[in-house]
Amino acid sequence: MGRKRGEGGRYQETVSVDAVLELFTDTEPRTTNEVAEALDIAQKTAYNKLETLTDRGDIRKKKIGGLAVVWWRPDPPEME
């Protein structure tokens, strides 16, 4: 099954940036690959959405070697 295209032929977004943010329920760091696997999206898509969240100030990132980066939410939502 192919991805859906919107008007103009562009692919439609299937996972929102906020859906990515919802994965960060604690302060545990996550890799791009972990996020991509959790949401069943391409690593490049996950990376782009994580960068957007970083630019918005919702999460932080740190390079931990070579090409490795981890992402975390400094102030996760309180769980009841």
Protein backbone atom coordinates (compact mmCIF):
# COMPACT_ATOMS: atom_id res chain seq x y z
CA MET A 1 0.00 0.00 0.00
CA GLY A 2 1.44 3.37 -1.02
CA ARG A 3 1.50 6.57 0.95
CA LYS A 4 -1.36 8.99 0.40
CA ARG A 5 -0.78 12.14 -1.57
CA GLY A 6 -2.62 15.39 -1.03
CA GLU A 7 -3.51 18.08 -3.50
CA GLY A 8 -0.53 19.00 -5.61
CA GLY A 9 0.89 15.48 -5.38
CA ARG A 10 2.82 15.93 -2.13
CA TYR A 11 2.87 13.11 0.38
CA GLN A 12 0.58 13.66 3.35
CA GLU A 13 2.02 13.67 6.84
CA THR A 14 1.09 10.48 8.67
CA VAL A 15 2.75 11.22 12.03
CA SER A 16 2.57 14.67 13.58
CA VAL A 17 5.34 16.41 15.47
CA ASP A 18 3.14 16.27 18.57
CA ALA A 19 2.85 12.48 18.20
CA VAL A 20 6.65 12.33 18.37
CA LEU A 21 6.64 14.53 21.47
CA GLU A 22 4.16 12.18 23.15
CA LEU A 23 6.87 9.48 23.16
CA PHE A 24 8.85 11.54 25.64
CA THR A 25 6.90 10.83 28.84
CA ASP A 26 10.00 10.81 31.05
CA THR A 27 13.57 12.14 31.02
CA GLU A 28 14.95 8.98 29.38
CA PRO A 29 17.06 9.88 26.32
CA ARG A 30 16.06 8.31 23.02
CA THR A 31 17.84 7.84 19.72
CA THR A 32 16.43 8.77 16.34
CA ASN A 33 16.20 5.07 15.51
CA GLU A 34 14.16 4.35 18.67
CA VAL A 35 11.71 7.11 17.77
CA ALA A 36 11.48 5.92 14.15
CA GLU A 37 10.80 2.33 15.23
CA ALA A 38 8.22 3.33 17.85
CA LEU A 39 6.22 5.28 15.27
CA ASP A 40 6.99 3.07 12.25
CA ILE A 41 8.44 5.96 10.25
CA ALA A 42 11.70 6.49 8.35
CA GLN A 43 14.72 7.61 10.36
CA LYS A 44 15.01 10.76 8.24
CA THR A 45 11.38 11.63 9.01
CA ALA A 46 11.95 11.02 12.71
CA TYR A 47 15.11 13.15 12.64
CA ASN A 48 13.32 16.04 10.93
CA LYS A 49 10.48 15.96 13.46
CA LEU A 50 12.95 15.76 16.37
CA GLU A 51 14.79 18.78 14.97
CA THR A 52 11.50 20.67 14.79
CA LEU A 53 10.81 19.83 18.44
CA THR A 54 14.32 20.99 19.35
CA ASP A 55 13.80 24.26 17.48
CA ARG A 56 10.51 24.76 19.37
CA GLY A 57 12.31 24.14 22.68
CA ASP A 58 10.23 21.06 23.56
CA ILE A 59 13.17 18.65 23.65
CA ARG A 60 16.95 18.84 23.76
CA LYS A 61 19.63 16.96 21.90
CA LYS A 62 23.24 16.00 22.48
CA LYS A 63 25.81 14.52 20.14
CA ILE A 64 27.38 11.54 21.90
CA GLY A 65 29.94 10.47 19.33
CA GLY A 66 30.48 10.14 15.61
CA LEU A 67 27.01 10.59 14.19
CA ALA A 68 25.14 9.45 17.31
CA VAL A 69 22.64 11.87 18.86
CA VAL A 70 20.28 11.43 21.78
CA TRP A 71 17.12 13.43 22.41
CA TRP A 72 15.29 13.98 25.70
CA ARG A 73 12.51 16.02 27.21
CA PRO A 74 13.85 18.06 30.13
CA ASP A 75 10.39 18.67 31.61
CA PRO A 76 8.16 15.68 30.83
CA PRO A 77 4.47 15.93 31.67
CA GLU A 78 3.43 14.80 35.14
CA MET A 79 1.86 11.36 35.17
CA GLU A 80 -1.17 10.91 37.43
